PDB file of N, CA and C in Angstrom:
ATOM      1  N   VAL A   1      42.670-149.133 237.647  1.00  0.00           N
ATOM      2  CA  VAL A   1      43.400-148.043 237.040  1.00  0.00           C
ATOM      3  C   VAL A   1      44.897-148.249 237.240  1.00  0.00           C
ATOM      4  N   ALA A   2      45.283-148.651 238.444  1.00  0.00           N
ATOM      5  CA  ALA A   2      46.708-148.860 238.722  1.00  0.00           C
ATOM      6  C   ALA A   2      47.275-149.979 237.849  1.00  0.00           C
ATOM      7  N   MET A   3      46.529-151.045 237.671  1.00  0.00           N
ATOM      8  CA  MET A   3      47.014-152.156 236.845  1.00  0.00           C
ATOM      9  C   MET A   3      47.107-151.745 235.367  1.00  0.00           C
ATOM     10  N   ALA A   4      46.189-150.919 234.908  1.00  0.00           N
ATOM     11  CA  ALA A   4      46.242-150.440 233.522  1.00  0.00           C
ATOM     12  C   ALA A   4      47.470-149.548 233.321  1.00  0.00           C
ATOM     13  N   LEU A   5      47.757-148.673 234.272  1.00  0.00           N
ATOM     14  CA  LEU A   5      48.955-147.835 234.194  1.00  0.00           C
ATOM     15  C   LEU A   5      50.221-148.666 234.263  1.00  0.00           C
ATOM     16  N   LEU A   6      50.215-149.689 235.090  1.00  0.00           N
ATOM     17  CA  LEU A   6      51.369-150.576 235.176  1.00  0.00           C
ATOM     18  C   LEU A   6      51.601-151.260 233.833  1.00  0.00           C
ATOM     19  N   GLY A   7      50.555-151.777 233.229  1.00  0.00           N
ATOM     20  CA  GLY A   7      50.677-152.429 231.930  1.00  0.00           C
ATOM     21  C   GLY A   7      51.171-151.473 230.857  1.00  0.00           C
ATOM     22  N   LEU A   8      50.670-150.243 230.859  1.00  0.00           N
ATOM     23  CA  LEU A   8      51.116-149.245 229.892  1.00  0.00           C
ATOM     24  C   LEU A   8      52.596-148.926 230.064  1.00  0.00           C
ATOM     25  N   ASN A   9      53.036-148.745 231.296  1.00  0.00           N
ATOM     26  CA  ASN A   9      54.440-148.438 231.562  1.00  0.00           C
ATOM     27  C   ASN A   9      55.352-149.581 231.139  1.00  0.00           C
ATOM     28  N   VAL A  10      54.974-150.794 231.447  1.00  0.00           N
ATOM     29  CA  VAL A  10      55.796-151.951 231.075  1.00  0.00           C
ATOM     30  C   VAL A  10      55.840-152.105 229.561  1.00  0.00           C
ATOM     31  N   ALA A  11      54.703-151.929 228.902  1.00  0.00           N
ATOM     32  CA  ALA A  11      54.675-152.034 227.442  1.00  0.00           C
ATOM     33  C   ALA A  11      55.547-150.973 226.793  1.00  0.00           C
ATOM     34  N   LEU A  12      55.489-149.741 227.278  1.00  0.00           N
ATOM     35  CA  LEU A  12      56.320-148.684 226.712  1.00  0.00           C
ATOM     36  C   LEU A  12      57.802-148.935 226.957  1.00  0.00           C
ATOM     37  N   PHE A  13      58.123-149.617 228.057  1.00  0.00           N
ATOM     38  CA  PHE A  13      59.530-149.876 228.358  1.00  0.00           C
ATOM     39  C   PHE A  13      60.091-151.005 227.497  1.00  0.00           C
ATOM     40  N   TYR A  14      59.330-152.072 227.312  1.00  0.00           N
ATOM     41  CA  TYR A  14      59.867-153.255 226.655  1.00  0.00           C
ATOM     42  C   TYR A  14      59.596-153.339 225.146  1.00  0.00           C
ATOM     43  N   TYR A  15      58.651-152.569 224.633  1.00  0.00           N
ATOM     44  CA  TYR A  15      58.328-152.641 223.215  1.00  0.00           C
ATOM     45  C   TYR A  15      58.588-151.301 222.544  1.00  0.00           C
ATOM     46  N   ASP A  16      58.936-151.342 221.268  1.00  0.00           N
ATOM     47  CA  ASP A  16      59.215-150.140 220.505  1.00  0.00           C
ATOM     48  C   ASP A  16      57.963-149.742 219.727  1.00  0.00           C
ATOM     49  N   PHE A  17      57.400-148.607 220.087  1.00  0.00           N
ATOM     50  CA  PHE A  17      56.180-148.123 219.440  1.00  0.00           C
ATOM     51  C   PHE A  17      56.469-146.972 218.492  1.00  0.00           C
ATOM     52  N   ALA A  18      57.669-146.929 217.922  1.00  0.00           N
ATOM     53  CA  ALA A  18      58.062-145.835 217.023  1.00  0.00           C
ATOM     54  C   ALA A  18      57.168-145.787 215.784  1.00  0.00           C
ATOM     55  N   GLU A  19      56.665-146.929 215.341  1.00  0.00           N
ATOM     56  CA  GLU A  19      55.801-146.955 214.163  1.00  0.00           C
ATOM     57  C   GLU A  19      54.496-146.198 214.396  1.00  0.00           C
ATOM     58  N   LEU A  20      54.073-146.123 215.654  1.00  0.00           N
ATOM     59  CA  LEU A  20      52.833-145.427 215.995  1.00  0.00           C
ATOM     60  C   LEU A  20      53.049-143.953 216.288  1.00  0.00           C
ATOM     61  N   GLY A  21      54.286-143.499 216.194  1.00  0.00           N
ATOM     62  CA  GLY A  21      54.584-142.098 216.459  1.00  0.00           C
ATOM     63  C   GLY A  21      54.923-141.795 217.898  1.00  0.00           C
ATOM     64  N   ILE A  22      55.038-142.828 218.731  1.00  0.00           N
ATOM     65  CA  ILE A  22      55.405-142.632 220.137  1.00  0.00           C
ATOM     66  C   ILE A  22      56.920-142.680 220.225  1.00  0.00           C
ATOM     67  N   PRO A  23      57.556-141.651 220.779  1.00  0.00           N
ATOM     68  CA  PRO A  23      59.020-141.659 220.885  1.00  0.00           C
ATOM     69  C   PRO A  23      59.503-142.838 221.710  1.00  0.00           C
ATOM     70  N   SER A  24      60.692-143.342 221.374  1.00  0.00           N
ATOM     71  CA  SER A  24      61.186-144.513 222.084  1.00  0.00           C
ATOM     72  C   SER A  24      62.435-144.241 222.913  1.00  0.00           C
ATOM     73  N   SER A  25      62.992-143.054 222.849  1.00  0.00           N
ATOM     74  CA  SER A  25      64.191-142.783 223.642  1.00  0.00           C
ATOM     75  C   SER A  25      63.884-141.759 224.737  1.00  0.00           C
ATOM     76  N   LEU A  26      64.634-141.847 225.819  1.00  0.00           N
ATOM     77  CA  LEU A  26      64.454-140.910 226.925  1.00  0.00           C
ATOM     78  C   LEU A  26      64.752-139.482 226.501  1.00  0.00           C
ATOM     79  N   HIS A  27      65.703-139.315 225.606  1.00  0.00           N
ATOM     80  CA  HIS A  27      66.061-137.975 225.157  1.00  0.00           C
ATOM     81  C   HIS A  27      64.879-137.282 224.474  1.00  0.00           C
ATOM     82  N   ASP A  28      64.014-138.056 223.831  1.00  0.00           N
ATOM     83  CA  ASP A  28      62.867-137.482 223.122  1.00  0.00           C
ATOM     84  C   ASP A  28      61.708-137.113 224.038  1.00  0.00           C
ATOM     85  N   VAL A  29      61.736-137.586 225.293  1.00  0.00           N
ATOM     86  CA  VAL A  29      60.604-137.305 226.183  1.00  0.00           C
ATOM     87  C   VAL A  29      61.001-136.588 227.474  1.00  0.00           C
ATOM     88  N   CYS A  30      62.278-136.391 227.720  1.00  0.00           N
ATOM     89  CA  CYS A  30      62.693-135.703 228.946  1.00  0.00           C
ATOM     90  C   CYS A  30      62.117-134.295 228.993  1.00  0.00           C
ATOM     91  N   ILE A  31      61.673-133.902 230.167  1.00  0.00           N
ATOM     92  CA  ILE A  31      61.126-132.560 230.314  1.00  0.00           C
ATOM     93  C   ILE A  31      62.291-131.588 230.455  1.00  0.00           C
ATOM     94  N   GLY A  32      62.327-130.637 229.582  1.00  0.00           N
ATOM     95  CA  GLY A  32      63.299-129.554 229.637  1.00  0.00           C
ATOM     96  C   GLY A  32      62.553-128.263 229.379  1.00  0.00           C
ATOM     97  N   ALA A  33      62.845-127.241 230.152  1.00  0.00           N
ATOM     98  CA  ALA A  33      62.108-125.981 230.012  1.00  0.00           C
ATOM     99  C   ALA A  33      62.231-125.429 228.601  1.00  0.00           C
ATOM    100  N   GLY A  34      63.408-125.537 228.017  1.00  0.00           N
ATOM    101  CA  GLY A  34      63.604-125.019 226.664  1.00  0.00           C
ATOM    102  C   GLY A  34      62.790-125.772 225.632  1.00  0.00           C
ATOM    103  N   PHE A  35      62.754-127.109 225.764  1.00  0.00           N
ATOM    104  CA  PHE A  35      61.986-127.919 224.810  1.00  0.00           C
ATOM    105  C   PHE A  35      60.494-127.633 224.916  1.00  0.00           C
ATOM    106  N   VAL A  36      60.000-127.522 226.136  1.00  0.00           N
ATOM    107  CA  VAL A  36      58.562-127.342 226.337  1.00  0.00           C
ATOM    108  C   VAL A  36      58.150-125.900 226.061  1.00  0.00           C
ATOM    109  N   TRP A  37      58.848-124.956 226.647  1.00  0.00           N
ATOM    110  CA  TRP A  37      58.430-123.561 226.549  1.00  0.00           C
ATOM    111  C   TRP A  37      58.724-122.964 225.174  1.00  0.00           C
ATOM    112  N   TYR A  38      59.984-123.065 224.762  1.00  0.00           N
ATOM    113  CA  TYR A  38      60.368-122.433 223.498  1.00  0.00           C
ATOM    114  C   TYR A  38      60.091-123.315 222.281  1.00  0.00           C
ATOM    115  N   GLY A  39      60.239-124.630 222.437  1.00  0.00           N
ATOM    116  CA  GLY A  39      60.002-125.537 221.325  1.00  0.00           C
ATOM    117  C   GLY A  39      58.559-125.975 221.187  1.00  0.00           C
ATOM    118  N   ARG A  40      57.719-125.602 222.153  1.00  0.00           N
ATOM    119  CA  ARG A  40      56.293-125.959 222.145  1.00  0.00           C
ATOM    120  C   ARG A  40      56.064-127.458 222.025  1.00  0.00           C
ATOM    121  N   GLN A  41      56.908-128.246 222.680  1.00  0.00           N
ATOM    122  CA  GLN A  41      56.758-129.704 222.656  1.00  0.00           C
ATOM    123  C   GLN A  41      56.007-130.141 223.919  1.00  0.00           C
ATOM    124  N   TRP A  42      54.724-129.852 223.942  1.00  0.00           N
ATOM    125  CA  TRP A  42      53.895-130.089 225.117  1.00  0.00           C
ATOM    126  C   TRP A  42      53.726-131.570 225.419  1.00  0.00           C
ATOM    127  N   SER A  43      53.922-132.429 224.448  1.00  0.00           N
ATOM    128  CA  SER A  43      53.771-133.864 224.677  1.00  0.00           C
ATOM    129  C   SER A  43      54.782-134.384 225.686  1.00  0.00           C
ATOM    130  N   ARG A  44      55.908-133.694 225.847  1.00  0.00           N
ATOM    131  CA  ARG A  44      56.913-134.126 226.822  1.00  0.00           C
ATOM    132  C   ARG A  44      56.362-134.133 228.241  1.00  0.00           C
ATOM    133  N   ILE A  45      55.455-133.243 228.552  1.00  0.00           N
ATOM    134  CA  ILE A  45      54.873-133.178 229.896  1.00  0.00           C
ATOM    135  C   ILE A  45      54.060-134.437 230.185  1.00  0.00           C
ATOM    136  N   LEU A  46      53.369-134.963 229.178  1.00  0.00           N
ATOM    137  CA  LEU A  46      52.552-136.154 229.368  1.00  0.00           C
ATOM    138  C   LEU A  46      53.350-137.450 229.234  1.00  0.00           C
ATOM    139  N   LEU A  47      54.372-137.460 228.385  1.00  0.00           N
ATOM    140  CA  LEU A  47      55.110-138.692 228.133  1.00  0.00           C
ATOM    141  C   LEU A  47      56.223-138.965 229.144  1.00  0.00           C
ATOM    142  N   ALA A  48      56.807-137.947 229.730  1.00  0.00           N
ATOM    143  CA  ALA A  48      57.952-138.137 230.629  1.00  0.00           C
ATOM    144  C   ALA A  48      57.665-139.082 231.806  1.00  0.00           C
ATOM    145  N   PRO A  49      56.507-139.003 232.455  1.00  0.00           N
ATOM    146  CA  PRO A  49      56.264-139.927 233.566  1.00  0.00           C
ATOM    147  C   PRO A  49      56.098-141.387 233.147  1.00  0.00           C
ATOM    148  N   LEU A  50      55.910-141.649 231.867  1.00  0.00           N
ATOM    149  CA  LEU A  50      55.686-143.011 231.397  1.00  0.00           C
ATOM    150  C   LEU A  50      56.957-143.720 230.950  1.00  0.00           C
ATOM    151  N   PHE A  51      58.086-143.025 230.917  1.00  0.00           N
ATOM    152  CA  PHE A  51      59.337-143.612 230.463  1.00  0.00           C
ATOM    153  C   PHE A  51      60.283-143.801 231.634  1.00  0.00           C
ATOM    154  N   HIS A  52      61.069-144.884 231.594  1.00  0.00           N
ATOM    155  CA  HIS A  52      61.985-145.227 232.682  1.00  0.00           C
ATOM    156  C   HIS A  52      63.367-145.507 232.122  1.00  0.00           C
ATOM    157  N   ALA A  53      64.386-145.212 232.915  1.00  0.00           N
ATOM    158  CA  ALA A  53      65.772-145.302 232.447  1.00  0.00           C
ATOM    159  C   ALA A  53      66.273-146.737 232.332  1.00  0.00           C
ATOM    160  N   ASP A  54      65.926-147.585 233.289  1.00  0.00           N
ATOM    161  CA  ASP A  54      66.402-148.963 233.269  1.00  0.00           C
ATOM    162  C   ASP A  54      65.390-149.845 234.000  1.00  0.00           C
ATOM    163  N   PRO A  55      65.585-151.166 233.982  1.00  0.00           N
ATOM    164  CA  PRO A  55      64.608-152.071 234.617  1.00  0.00           C
ATOM    165  C   PRO A  55      64.413-151.824 236.124  1.00  0.00           C
ATOM    166  N   MET A  56      65.470-151.451 236.824  1.00  0.00           N
ATOM    167  CA  MET A  56      65.319-151.196 238.266  1.00  0.00           C
ATOM    168  C   MET A  56      64.464-149.951 238.512  1.00  0.00           C
ATOM    169  N   HIS A  57      64.642-148.934 237.697  1.00  0.00           N
ATOM    170  CA  HIS A  57      63.831-147.731 237.801  1.00  0.00           C
ATOM    171  C   HIS A  57      62.365-148.078 237.564  1.00  0.00           C
ATOM    172  N   LEU A  58      62.100-148.891 236.548  1.00  0.00           N
ATOM    173  CA  LEU A  58      60.743-149.336 236.265  1.00  0.00           C
ATOM    174  C   LEU A  58      60.173-150.142 237.428  1.00  0.00           C
ATOM    175  N   TYR A  59      60.974-151.066 237.968  1.00  0.00           N
ATOM    176  CA  TYR A  59      60.519-151.916 239.073  1.00  0.00           C
ATOM    177  C   TYR A  59      60.124-151.087 240.299  1.00  0.00           C
ATOM    178  N   TYR A  60      60.980-150.171 240.713  1.00  0.00           N
ATOM    179  CA  TYR A  60      60.682-149.381 241.912  1.00  0.00           C
ATOM    180  C   TYR A  60      59.484-148.466 241.706  1.00  0.00           C
ATOM    181  N   ASN A  61      59.371-147.861 240.546  1.00  0.00           N
ATOM    182  CA  ASN A  61      58.223-146.994 240.300  1.00  0.00           C
ATOM    183  C   ASN A  61      56.918-147.781 240.231  1.00  0.00           C
ATOM    184  N   MET A  62      56.951-148.964 239.611  1.00  0.00           N
ATOM    185  CA  MET A  62      55.726-149.749 239.484  1.00  0.00           C
ATOM    186  C   MET A  62      55.312-150.377 240.817  1.00  0.00           C
ATOM    187  N   SER A  63      56.281-150.779 241.642  1.00  0.00           N
ATOM    188  CA  SER A  63      55.925-151.299 242.964  1.00  0.00           C
ATOM    189  C   SER A  63      55.321-150.183 243.817  1.00  0.00           C
ATOM    190  N   SER A  64      55.831-148.984 243.694  1.00  0.00           N
ATOM    191  CA  SER A  64      55.254-147.847 244.413  1.00  0.00           C
ATOM    192  C   SER A  64      53.855-147.538 243.893  1.00  0.00           C
ATOM    193  N   LEU A  65      53.668-147.605 242.572  1.00  0.00           N
ATOM    194  CA  LEU A  65      52.363-147.363 241.979  1.00  0.00           C
ATOM    195  C   LEU A  65      51.334-148.389 242.462  1.00  0.00           C
ATOM    196  N   LEU A  66      51.736-149.664 242.534  1.00  0.00           N
ATOM    197  CA  LEU A  66      50.799-150.693 242.997  1.00  0.00           C
ATOM    198  C   LEU A  66      50.403-150.484 244.452  1.00  0.00           C
ATOM    199  N   LEU A  67      51.358-150.120 245.289  1.00  0.00           N
ATOM    200  CA  LEU A  67      51.047-149.866 246.699  1.00  0.00           C
ATOM    201  C   LEU A  67      50.098-148.680 246.840  1.00  0.00           C
ATOM    202  N   LYS A  68      50.394-147.595 246.153  1.00  0.00           N
ATOM    203  CA  LYS A  68      49.531-146.408 246.235  1.00  0.00           C
ATOM    204  C   LYS A  68      48.165-146.679 245.620  1.00  0.00           C
ATOM    205  N   GLY A  69      48.136-147.427 244.513  1.00  0.00           N
ATOM    206  CA  GLY A  69      46.857-147.763 243.902  1.00  0.00           C
ATOM    207  C   GLY A  69      46.001-148.619 244.801  1.00  0.00           C
ATOM    208  N   ARG A  70      46.635-149.561 245.487  1.00  0.00           N
ATOM    209  CA  ARG A  70      45.898-150.435 246.412  1.00  0.00           C
ATOM    210  C   ARG A  70      45.297-149.643 247.559  1.00  0.00           C
ATOM    211  N   LEU A  71      46.013-148.633 248.018  1.00  0.00           N
ATOM    212  CA  LEU A  71      45.531-147.830 249.132  1.00  0.00           C
ATOM    213  C   LEU A  71      44.505-146.772 248.692  1.00  0.00           C
ATOM    214  N   LEU A  72      44.670-146.201 247.492  1.00  0.00           N
ATOM    215  CA  LEU A  72      43.833-145.088 247.094  1.00  0.00           C
ATOM    216  C   LEU A  72      42.586-145.479 246.291  1.00  0.00           C
ATOM    217  N   GLU A  73      42.633-146.584 245.557  1.00  0.00           N
ATOM    218  CA  GLU A  73      41.469-146.915 244.721  1.00  0.00           C
ATOM    219  C   GLU A  73      40.198-147.201 245.505  1.00  0.00           C
ATOM    220  N   PRO A  74      40.257-147.850 246.668  1.00  0.00           N
ATOM    221  CA  PRO A  74      39.000-148.037 247.409  1.00  0.00           C
ATOM    222  C   PRO A  74      38.388-146.715 247.881  1.00  0.00           C
ATOM    223  N   VAL A  75      39.224-145.712 248.078  1.00  0.00           N
ATOM    224  CA  VAL A  75      38.715-144.413 248.543  1.00  0.00           C
ATOM    225  C   VAL A  75      37.968-143.749 247.438  1.00  0.00           C
TER     226      VAL A  75
END
């Protein structure tokens, strides 16, 4: 599961999936109370954790995900 999430995060960061209807900019997926509550853009809640600002942000989050996945998946 951790490796599948890692692959999904890397793919979303490096490839543009705008043709499939997946937003490609951080501004389109950032969680904001006004966007979610008043604009009814519930997809932001699910998409925000999958987007990263820059390569270092992606690297640190994915290394943390791999460590936690390694520790939690056997349980």
